Amino acid sequence: MRAPETCTTMTDLRAAIDALDEKLIALLAARAGYIDRAVTLKQAEGVPARVGSRVDEVIANVRAAAHAQGLDADLAERLWRELIEWSIAREARRLDP
C-alpha cells in the first residue's frame, strides 16, 4: 500500500483509501468470526453475552492504541462502542434464542 505522501493525485489517494477500506472490512469479518466462536465458549463456561468489565477493558485498550497511533481516542472509542454493541447483540441472539 502506498504511503499517503506518495499519492500525487486524488485518484491515487482514493485508490489507496479504497484498498485500506477493503482490508478493514476483512479484519472486521475476521473479528466477527471470533465473536461467533465466543458464543460456543460462553455457553460452555456459563458467561453472558455482556461482560461489563470486558467492555471496559476493550475500550481502554482501544483508547490506548488510538493514542499511540496518533488517532483521536474519542473517535476510536465511539467506533468501538458501536462494534461492541453489535457484537454483544450478535452473541445474545445465539445465546438466548
N, C-alpha and C. Protein backbone atom coordinates (compact mmCIF):
# COMPACT_ATOMS: atom_id res chain seq x y z
N MET A 1 0.84 -1.17 0.00
CA MET A 1 0.00 0.00 0.00
C MET A 1 0.89 1.24 0.00
N ARG A 2 0.43 2.22 -0.71
CA ARG A 2 1.20 3.46 -0.81
C ARG A 2 1.07 4.28 0.47
N ALA A 3 2.12 4.97 0.80
CA ALA A 3 2.08 5.93 1.90
C ALA A 3 1.33 7.17 1.42
N PRO A 4 0.60 7.83 2.30
CA PRO A 4 -0.18 9.00 1.87
C PRO A 4 0.65 10.04 1.13
N GLU A 5 1.86 10.27 1.60
CA GLU A 5 2.69 11.31 0.98
C GLU A 5 3.17 10.94 -0.42
N THR A 6 3.03 9.68 -0.81
CA THR A 6 3.45 9.29 -2.16
C THR A 6 2.31 9.39 -3.17
N CYS A 7 1.10 9.66 -2.70
CA CYS A 7 -0.03 9.84 -3.61
C CYS A 7 0.09 11.23 -4.25
N THR A 8 0.10 11.24 -5.56
CA THR A 8 0.29 12.53 -6.25
C THR A 8 -0.99 13.06 -6.87
N THR A 9 -2.04 12.24 -6.88
CA THR A 9 -3.32 12.69 -7.42
C THR A 9 -4.43 12.18 -6.50
N MET A 10 -5.59 12.78 -6.63
CA MET A 10 -6.73 12.30 -5.85
C MET A 10 -7.10 10.88 -6.27
N THR A 11 -6.88 10.53 -7.52
CA THR A 11 -7.16 9.16 -7.98
C THR A 11 -6.27 8.18 -7.22
N ASP A 12 -4.98 8.51 -7.09
CA ASP A 12 -4.06 7.67 -6.32
C ASP A 12 -4.52 7.55 -4.87
N LEU A 13 -4.86 8.68 -4.30
CA LEU A 13 -5.27 8.72 -2.90
C LEU A 13 -6.53 7.90 -2.68
N ARG A 14 -7.52 8.08 -3.53
CA ARG A 14 -8.77 7.33 -3.39
C ARG A 14 -8.55 5.83 -3.55
N ALA A 15 -7.69 5.46 -4.47
CA ALA A 15 -7.40 4.03 -4.66
C ALA A 15 -6.76 3.45 -3.40
N ALA A 16 -5.87 4.21 -2.77
CA ALA A 16 -5.23 3.74 -1.55
C ALA A 16 -6.25 3.63 -0.41
N ILE A 17 -7.13 4.61 -0.30
CA ILE A 17 -8.17 4.57 0.74
C ILE A 17 -9.10 3.38 0.50
N ASP A 18 -9.50 3.16 -0.75
CA ASP A 18 -10.37 2.03 -1.07
C ASP A 18 -9.71 0.70 -0.71
N ALA A 19 -8.42 0.58 -0.99
CA ALA A 19 -7.69 -0.64 -0.66
C ALA A 19 -7.62 -0.83 0.86
N LEU A 20 -7.40 0.25 1.56
CA LEU A 20 -7.37 0.18 3.02
C LEU A 20 -8.74 -0.19 3.58
N ASP A 21 -9.80 0.37 3.01
CA ASP A 21 -11.15 0.02 3.45
C ASP A 21 -11.43 -1.47 3.28
N GLU A 22 -10.97 -2.04 2.18
CA GLU A 22 -11.16 -3.48 1.97
C GLU A 22 -10.45 -4.28 3.05
N LYS A 23 -9.25 -3.84 3.43
CA LYS A 23 -8.52 -4.53 4.48
C LYS A 23 -9.23 -4.39 5.83
N LEU A 24 -9.78 -3.21 6.09
CA LEU A 24 -10.53 -3.01 7.33
C LEU A 24 -11.74 -3.93 7.38
N ILE A 25 -12.46 -4.05 6.27
CA ILE A 25 -13.62 -4.94 6.21
C ILE A 25 -13.19 -6.38 6.45
N ALA A 26 -12.09 -6.79 5.87
CA ALA A 26 -11.60 -8.15 6.08
C ALA A 26 -11.26 -8.38 7.56
N LEU A 27 -10.67 -7.39 8.20
CA LEU A 27 -10.36 -7.52 9.62
C LEU A 27 -11.62 -7.56 10.46
N LEU A 28 -12.62 -6.76 10.12
CA LEU A 28 -13.88 -6.80 10.85
C LEU A 28 -14.59 -8.14 10.67
N ALA A 29 -14.52 -8.68 9.46
CA ALA A 29 -15.12 -10.00 9.22
C ALA A 29 -14.40 -11.07 10.05
N ALA A 30 -13.09 -10.97 10.13
CA ALA A 30 -12.32 -11.92 10.95
C ALA A 30 -12.70 -11.76 12.42
N ARG A 31 -12.87 -10.52 12.87
CA ARG A 31 -13.29 -10.27 14.26
C ARG A 31 -14.66 -10.90 14.53
N ALA A 32 -15.56 -10.80 13.56
CA ALA A 32 -16.89 -11.39 13.72
C ALA A 32 -16.78 -12.91 13.89
N GLY A 33 -15.82 -13.53 13.23
CA GLY A 33 -15.59 -14.96 13.42
C GLY A 33 -15.23 -15.30 14.85
N TYR A 34 -14.44 -14.43 15.48
CA TYR A 34 -14.10 -14.64 16.89
C TYR A 34 -15.31 -14.43 17.78
N ILE A 35 -16.16 -13.48 17.41
CA ILE A 35 -17.39 -13.26 18.17
C ILE A 35 -18.26 -14.51 18.09
N ASP A 36 -18.36 -15.09 16.91
CA ASP A 36 -19.15 -16.32 16.76
C ASP A 36 -18.57 -17.45 17.61
N ARG A 37 -17.27 -17.56 17.66
CA ARG A 37 -16.64 -18.58 18.49
C ARG A 37 -16.89 -18.32 19.96
N ALA A 38 -16.94 -17.05 20.34
CA ALA A 38 -17.19 -16.68 21.74
C ALA A 38 -18.52 -17.25 22.21
N VAL A 39 -19.50 -17.33 21.32
CA VAL A 39 -20.81 -17.86 21.70
C VAL A 39 -20.65 -19.29 22.24
N THR A 40 -19.94 -20.12 21.52
CA THR A 40 -19.74 -21.51 21.94
C THR A 40 -19.00 -21.57 23.27
N LEU A 41 -17.95 -20.78 23.40
CA LEU A 41 -17.16 -20.80 24.62
C LEU A 41 -17.95 -20.22 25.80
N LYS A 42 -18.71 -19.16 25.55
CA LYS A 42 -19.52 -18.58 26.62
C LYS A 42 -20.61 -19.54 27.08
N GLN A 43 -21.21 -20.28 26.14
CA GLN A 43 -22.21 -21.28 26.51
C GLN A 43 -21.58 -22.32 27.42
N ALA A 44 -20.42 -22.80 27.04
CA ALA A 44 -19.74 -23.85 27.81
C ALA A 44 -19.31 -23.36 29.19
N GLU A 45 -18.97 -22.07 29.29
CA GLU A 45 -18.47 -21.53 30.55
C GLU A 45 -19.55 -20.79 31.35
N GLY A 46 -20.76 -20.70 30.80
CA GLY A 46 -21.84 -20.01 31.50
C GLY A 46 -21.64 -18.51 31.61
N VAL A 47 -21.04 -17.93 30.60
CA VAL A 47 -20.76 -16.50 30.60
C VAL A 47 -21.83 -15.79 29.76
N PRO A 48 -22.36 -14.67 30.24
CA PRO A 48 -23.38 -13.95 29.47
C PRO A 48 -22.76 -13.20 28.28
N ALA A 49 -23.62 -12.76 27.39
CA ALA A 49 -23.14 -12.02 26.22
C ALA A 49 -22.41 -10.75 26.65
N ARG A 50 -22.98 -10.01 27.59
CA ARG A 50 -22.35 -8.76 28.05
C ARG A 50 -21.59 -9.01 29.34
N VAL A 51 -20.31 -8.71 29.29
CA VAL A 51 -19.47 -8.75 30.48
C VAL A 51 -18.89 -7.34 30.61
N GLY A 52 -19.47 -6.58 31.53
CA GLY A 52 -19.12 -5.17 31.66
C GLY A 52 -17.65 -4.90 31.83
N SER A 53 -16.97 -5.70 32.63
CA SER A 53 -15.54 -5.49 32.85
C SER A 53 -14.75 -5.69 31.55
N ARG A 54 -15.21 -6.62 30.71
CA ARG A 54 -14.52 -6.85 29.43
C ARG A 54 -14.76 -5.68 28.48
N VAL A 55 -15.97 -5.14 28.47
CA VAL A 55 -16.25 -3.96 27.65
C VAL A 55 -15.32 -2.83 28.07
N ASP A 56 -15.20 -2.60 29.37
CA ASP A 56 -14.31 -1.55 29.86
C ASP A 56 -12.87 -1.79 29.45
N GLU A 57 -12.44 -3.04 29.51
CA GLU A 57 -11.07 -3.40 29.14
C GLU A 57 -10.82 -3.15 27.66
N VAL A 58 -11.77 -3.55 26.81
CA VAL A 58 -11.61 -3.35 25.37
C VAL A 58 -11.54 -1.87 25.05
N ILE A 59 -12.41 -1.07 25.66
CA ILE A 59 -12.40 0.37 25.41
C ILE A 59 -11.08 0.99 25.86
N ALA A 60 -10.60 0.61 27.01
CA ALA A 60 -9.31 1.13 27.48
C ALA A 60 -8.19 0.76 26.52
N ASN A 61 -8.19 -0.48 26.04
CA ASN A 61 -7.16 -0.92 25.09
C ASN A 61 -7.23 -0.13 23.79
N VAL A 62 -8.45 0.08 23.30
CA VAL A 62 -8.64 0.80 22.04
C VAL A 62 -8.20 2.25 22.19
N ARG A 63 -8.56 2.87 23.30
CA ARG A 63 -8.16 4.26 23.51
C ARG A 63 -6.64 4.38 23.57
N ALA A 64 -6.00 3.44 24.26
CA ALA A 64 -4.53 3.47 24.35
C ALA A 64 -3.89 3.25 22.98
N ALA A 65 -4.42 2.30 22.22
CA ALA A 65 -3.88 2.02 20.89
C ALA A 65 -4.07 3.23 19.97
N ALA A 66 -5.24 3.85 20.04
CA ALA A 66 -5.50 5.03 19.22
C ALA A 66 -4.52 6.14 19.58
N HIS A 67 -4.36 6.37 20.85
CA HIS A 67 -3.43 7.42 21.31
C HIS A 67 -2.02 7.14 20.80
N ALA A 68 -1.58 5.89 20.91
CA ALA A 68 -0.23 5.51 20.47
C ALA A 68 -0.04 5.72 18.97
N GLN A 69 -1.14 5.59 18.20
CA GLN A 69 -1.06 5.73 16.74
C GLN A 69 -1.36 7.15 16.27
N GLY A 70 -1.65 8.05 17.22
CA GLY A 70 -1.95 9.43 16.86
C GLY A 70 -3.36 9.62 16.33
N LEU A 71 -4.25 8.69 16.66
CA LEU A 71 -5.65 8.78 16.25
C LEU A 71 -6.47 9.32 17.41
N ASP A 72 -7.48 10.07 17.10
CA ASP A 72 -8.37 10.63 18.12
C ASP A 72 -8.98 9.49 18.93
N ALA A 73 -8.64 9.40 20.21
CA ALA A 73 -9.12 8.32 21.07
C ALA A 73 -10.63 8.36 21.25
N ASP A 74 -11.22 9.55 21.24
CA ASP A 74 -12.68 9.66 21.36
C ASP A 74 -13.37 9.05 20.14
N LEU A 75 -12.81 9.29 18.96
CA LEU A 75 -13.36 8.69 17.74
C LEU A 75 -13.25 7.17 17.81
N ALA A 76 -12.08 6.68 18.18
CA ALA A 76 -11.88 5.23 18.28
C ALA A 76 -12.87 4.62 19.28
N GLU A 77 -13.06 5.29 20.40
CA GLU A 77 -13.99 4.76 21.39
C GLU A 77 -15.41 4.71 20.84
N ARG A 78 -15.85 5.77 20.16
CA ARG A 78 -17.21 5.76 19.60
C ARG A 78 -17.38 4.63 18.60
N LEU A 79 -16.39 4.44 17.73
CA LEU A 79 -16.47 3.36 16.74
C LEU A 79 -16.51 2.00 17.43
N TRP A 80 -15.66 1.81 18.42
CA TRP A 80 -15.61 0.50 19.09
C TRP A 80 -16.82 0.25 19.95
N ARG A 81 -17.38 1.28 20.54
CA ARG A 81 -18.61 1.05 21.32
C ARG A 81 -19.72 0.53 20.40
N GLU A 82 -19.82 1.07 19.20
CA GLU A 82 -20.80 0.58 18.22
C GLU A 82 -20.48 -0.87 17.86
N LEU A 83 -19.21 -1.16 17.60
CA LEU A 83 -18.79 -2.52 17.26
C LEU A 83 -19.06 -3.48 18.41
N ILE A 84 -18.80 -3.06 19.63
CA ILE A 84 -19.03 -3.90 20.80
C ILE A 84 -20.52 -4.18 20.96
N GLU A 85 -21.36 -3.16 20.82
CA GLU A 85 -22.80 -3.37 20.96
C GLU A 85 -23.32 -4.32 19.88
N TRP A 86 -22.83 -4.17 18.66
CA TRP A 86 -23.21 -5.08 17.58
C TRP A 86 -22.79 -6.51 17.94
N SER A 87 -21.57 -6.65 18.47
CA SER A 87 -21.05 -7.97 18.82
C SER A 87 -21.86 -8.61 19.95
N ILE A 88 -22.19 -7.82 20.96
CA ILE A 88 -22.97 -8.35 22.08
C ILE A 88 -24.35 -8.78 21.60
N ALA A 89 -24.97 -7.96 20.75
CA ALA A 89 -26.29 -8.32 20.21
C ALA A 89 -26.20 -9.60 19.39
N ARG A 90 -25.14 -9.76 18.62
CA ARG A 90 -24.94 -10.97 17.82
C ARG A 90 -24.82 -12.19 18.74
N GLU A 91 -24.03 -12.06 19.80
CA GLU A 91 -23.89 -13.15 20.76
C GLU A 91 -25.21 -13.45 21.45
N ALA A 92 -25.89 -12.40 21.89
CA ALA A 92 -27.13 -12.59 22.65
C ALA A 92 -28.18 -13.31 21.84
N ARG A 93 -28.27 -13.03 20.56
CA ARG A 93 -29.24 -13.71 19.70
C ARG A 93 -29.00 -15.21 19.69
N ARG A 94 -27.76 -15.61 19.76
CA ARG A 94 -27.43 -17.03 19.73
C ARG A 94 -27.42 -17.67 21.12
N LEU A 95 -27.11 -16.87 22.13
CA LEU A 95 -27.09 -17.41 23.50
C LEU A 95 -28.51 -17.53 24.07
N ASP A 96 -29.36 -16.60 23.72
CA ASP A 96 -30.72 -16.56 24.26
C ASP A 96 -31.72 -16.56 23.11
N PRO A 97 -31.85 -17.68 22.38
CA PRO A 97 -32.75 -17.69 21.21
C PRO A 97 -34.21 -17.53 21.59
